[in-house]
Amino acid sequence: MRKHTLMVAGMLGLGMMLVSSTAEAGQVARREARQNARIRQGVASGELTPGETKLLRKEQRTIEHGRKRALADGHIGPWEHKALEGAQNRASDDTYRLKHNQRQVPPAQ
């Protein structure tokens, strides 16, 4: 009976890790979506030039690639999560900086 209890406890622990890593993967993906929405808004308002947009979109593709690579083994580990979060923080700062510089796309006439 004790062996069975330990096995069930171990399986529950594994299940919790998978749920947690799935939640973290979802959190990373939601943040990516919000960043892409910020970039689209910057393009629509003329705050981002084509070159700035290209740079930000490349940065987002790199983060997405990192998320997929981290999930390749089925879960995102703590170090992987920290690295993805750092990359997302830098991307967010870059988006803010580029949207608030003095460069703008002239309105179409």
C-alpha atoms as a PDB file:
ATOM      1  CA  MET A   1       0.000   0.000   0.000  1.00  0.00           C
ATOM      2  CA  ARG A   2       2.792   2.404   0.902  1.00  0.00           C
ATOM      3  CA  LYS A   3       4.544   1.753  -2.425  1.00  0.00           C
ATOM      4  CA  HIS A   4       1.302   2.480  -4.273  1.00  0.00           C
ATOM      5  CA  THR A   5       0.835   5.748  -2.338  1.00  0.00           C
ATOM      6  CA  LEU A   6       4.361   6.885  -3.229  1.00  0.00           C
ATOM      7  CA  MET A   7       3.776   6.037  -6.897  1.00  0.00           C
ATOM      8  CA  VAL A   8       0.527   8.026  -6.962  1.00  0.00           C
ATOM      9  CA  ALA A   9       2.205  10.960  -5.209  1.00  0.00           C
ATOM     10  CA  GLY A  10       5.031  10.875  -7.761  1.00  0.00           C
ATOM     11  CA  MET A  11       2.585  10.829 -10.664  1.00  0.00           C
ATOM     12  CA  LEU A  12       0.683  13.762  -9.181  1.00  0.00           C
ATOM     13  CA  GLY A  13       3.942  15.681  -8.814  1.00  0.00           C
ATOM     14  CA  LEU A  14       4.815  15.000 -12.440  1.00  0.00           C
ATOM     15  CA  GLY A  15       1.341  16.083 -13.500  1.00  0.00           C
ATOM     16  CA  MET A  16       1.695  19.329 -11.541  1.00  0.00           C
ATOM     17  CA  MET A  17       5.037  20.031 -13.260  1.00  0.00           C
ATOM     18  CA  LEU A  18       3.480  19.510 -16.689  1.00  0.00           C
ATOM     19  CA  VAL A  19       0.515  21.738 -15.842  1.00  0.00           C
ATOM     20  CA  SER A  20       2.876  24.382 -14.482  1.00  0.00           C
ATOM     21  CA  SER A  21       5.112  24.295 -17.563  1.00  0.00           C
ATOM     22  CA  THR A  22       2.067  24.405 -19.833  1.00  0.00           C
ATOM     23  CA  ALA A  23       0.834  27.441 -17.925  1.00  0.00           C
ATOM     24  CA  GLU A  24       4.248  29.088 -18.271  1.00  0.00           C
ATOM     25  CA  ALA A  25       4.270  28.340 -21.996  1.00  0.00           C
ATOM     26  CA  GLY A  26       0.838  29.932 -22.271  1.00  0.00           C
ATOM     27  CA  GLN A  27       2.029  32.946 -20.305  1.00  0.00           C
ATOM     28  CA  VAL A  28       4.989  33.404 -22.658  1.00  0.00           C
ATOM     29  CA  ALA A  29       2.729  33.033 -25.718  1.00  0.00           C
ATOM     30  CA  ARG A  30       0.204  35.568 -24.357  1.00  0.00           C
ATOM     31  CA  ARG A  31       2.981  38.062 -23.751  1.00  0.00           C
ATOM     32  CA  GLU A  32       4.236  37.495 -27.311  1.00  0.00           C
ATOM     33  CA  ALA A  33       0.720  38.230 -28.588  1.00  0.00           C
ATOM     34  CA  ARG A  34       0.540  41.466 -26.576  1.00  0.00           C
ATOM     35  CA  GLN A  35       3.943  42.529 -27.920  1.00  0.00           C
ATOM     36  CA  ASN A  36       2.821  41.849 -31.492  1.00  0.00           C
ATOM     37  CA  ALA A  37      -0.312  43.929 -30.857  1.00  0.00           C
ATOM     38  CA  ARG A  38       1.871  46.804 -29.613  1.00  0.00           C
ATOM     39  CA  ILE A  39       3.974  46.570 -32.776  1.00  0.00           C
ATOM     40  CA  ARG A  40       0.859  46.542 -35.009  1.00  0.00           C
ATOM     41  CA  GLN A  41      -0.494  49.596 -33.156  1.00  0.00           C
ATOM     42  CA  GLY A  42       2.834  51.391 -33.640  1.00  0.00           C
ATOM     43  CA  VAL A  43       2.756  50.672 -37.367  1.00  0.00           C
ATOM     44  CA  ALA A  44      -0.861  51.841 -37.669  1.00  0.00           C
ATOM     45  CA  SER A  45      -0.174  55.096 -35.817  1.00  0.00           C
ATOM     46  CA  GLY A  46       3.037  55.809 -37.739  1.00  0.00           C
ATOM     47  CA  GLU A  47       5.159  55.689 -34.576  1.00  0.00           C
ATOM     48  CA  LEU A  48       7.283  52.868 -36.014  1.00  0.00           C
ATOM     49  CA  THR A  49       9.221  53.199 -39.243  1.00  0.00           C
ATOM     50  CA  PRO A  50       9.528  50.165 -41.554  1.00  0.00           C
ATOM     51  CA  GLY A  51      13.091  49.537 -40.359  1.00  0.00           C
ATOM     52  CA  GLU A  52      12.081  49.685 -36.699  1.00  0.00           C
ATOM     53  CA  THR A  53       9.156  47.360 -37.382  1.00  0.00           C
ATOM     54  CA  LYS A  54      11.438  44.856 -39.094  1.00  0.00           C
ATOM     55  CA  LEU A  55      13.816  44.890 -36.114  1.00  0.00           C
ATOM     56  CA  LEU A  56      11.014  44.375 -33.573  1.00  0.00           C
ATOM     57  CA  ARG A  57       9.374  41.587 -35.556  1.00  0.00           C
ATOM     58  CA  LYS A  58      12.710  39.776 -35.890  1.00  0.00           C
ATOM     59  CA  GLU A  59      13.139  40.051 -32.127  1.00  0.00           C
ATOM     60  CA  GLN A  60       9.678  38.515 -31.612  1.00  0.00           C
ATOM     61  CA  ARG A  61      10.474  35.643 -33.997  1.00  0.00           C
ATOM     62  CA  THR A  62      13.637  34.936 -31.993  1.00  0.00           C
ATOM     63  CA  ILE A  63      11.616  34.778 -28.764  1.00  0.00           C
ATOM     64  CA  GLU A  64       9.031  32.501 -30.375  1.00  0.00           C
ATOM     65  CA  HIS A  65      11.794  30.209 -31.621  1.00  0.00           C
ATOM     66  CA  GLY A  66      13.280  30.116 -28.110  1.00  0.00           C
ATOM     67  CA  ARG A  67       9.883  29.229 -26.615  1.00  0.00           C
ATOM     68  CA  LYS A  68       9.421  26.372 -29.088  1.00  0.00           C
ATOM     69  CA  ARG A  69      12.948  25.106 -28.406  1.00  0.00           C
ATOM     70  CA  ALA A  70      12.345  25.268 -24.638  1.00  0.00           C
ATOM     71  CA  LEU A  71       9.115  23.282 -25.044  1.00  0.00           C
ATOM     72  CA  ALA A  72      10.767  20.625 -27.204  1.00  0.00           C
ATOM     73  CA  ASP A  73      11.241  18.363 -24.173  1.00  0.00           C
ATOM     74  CA  GLY A  74       7.671  18.909 -22.988  1.00  0.00           C
ATOM     75  CA  HIS A  75       8.196  21.582 -20.342  1.00  0.00           C
ATOM     76  CA  ILE A  76       9.866  24.910 -19.716  1.00  0.00           C
ATOM     77  CA  GLY A  77      12.454  24.659 -16.956  1.00  0.00           C
ATOM     78  CA  PRO A  78      13.184  27.495 -14.521  1.00  0.00           C
ATOM     79  CA  TRP A  79      16.330  28.593 -16.365  1.00  0.00           C
ATOM     80  CA  GLU A  80      14.551  28.515 -19.709  1.00  0.00           C
ATOM     81  CA  HIS A  81      11.664  30.528 -18.277  1.00  0.00           C
ATOM     82  CA  LYS A  82      14.067  33.100 -16.856  1.00  0.00           C
ATOM     83  CA  ALA A  83      15.866  33.421 -20.201  1.00  0.00           C
ATOM     84  CA  LEU A  84      12.576  33.825 -22.106  1.00  0.00           C
ATOM     85  CA  GLU A  85      11.337  36.397 -19.604  1.00  0.00           C
ATOM     86  CA  GLY A  86      14.584  38.364 -19.944  1.00  0.00           C
ATOM     87  CA  ALA A  87      14.301  38.329 -23.734  1.00  0.00           C
ATOM     88  CA  GLN A  88      10.693  39.497 -23.493  1.00  0.00           C
ATOM     89  CA  ASN A  89      11.675  42.295 -21.105  1.00  0.00           C
ATOM     90  CA  ARG A  90      14.342  43.508 -23.538  1.00  0.00           C
ATOM     91  CA  ALA A  91      11.872  43.312 -26.434  1.00  0.00           C
ATOM     92  CA  SER A  92       9.319  45.303 -24.463  1.00  0.00           C
ATOM     93  CA  ASP A  93      11.919  47.970 -23.645  1.00  0.00           C
ATOM     94  CA  ASP A  94      12.985  48.102 -27.308  1.00  0.00           C
ATOM     95  CA  THR A  95       9.364  48.482 -28.428  1.00  0.00           C
ATOM     96  CA  TYR A  96       8.799  51.347 -25.992  1.00  0.00           C
ATOM     97  CA  ARG A  97      12.045  53.068 -26.952  1.00  0.00           C
ATOM     98  CA  LEU A  98      11.383  52.849 -30.693  1.00  0.00           C
ATOM     99  CA  LYS A  99       7.732  53.914 -30.414  1.00  0.00           C
ATOM    100  CA  HIS A 100       8.687  56.975 -28.380  1.00  0.00           C
ATOM    101  CA  ASN A 101      11.677  58.233 -30.357  1.00  0.00           C
ATOM    102  CA  GLN A 102      11.245  61.237 -32.642  1.00  0.00           C
ATOM    103  CA  ARG A 103      11.127  59.212 -35.872  1.00  0.00           C
ATOM    104  CA  GLN A 104       7.716  58.851 -37.468  1.00  0.00           C
ATOM    105  CA  VAL A 105       6.378  57.712 -40.786  1.00  0.00           C
ATOM    106  CA  PRO A 106       4.928  60.744 -42.608  1.00  0.00           C
ATOM    107  CA  PRO A 107       1.169  60.485 -43.169  1.00  0.00           C
ATOM    108  CA  ALA A 108       0.065  59.363 -46.633  1.00  0.00           C
ATOM    109  CA  GLN A 109      -1.274  62.142 -48.815  1.00  0.00           C
END
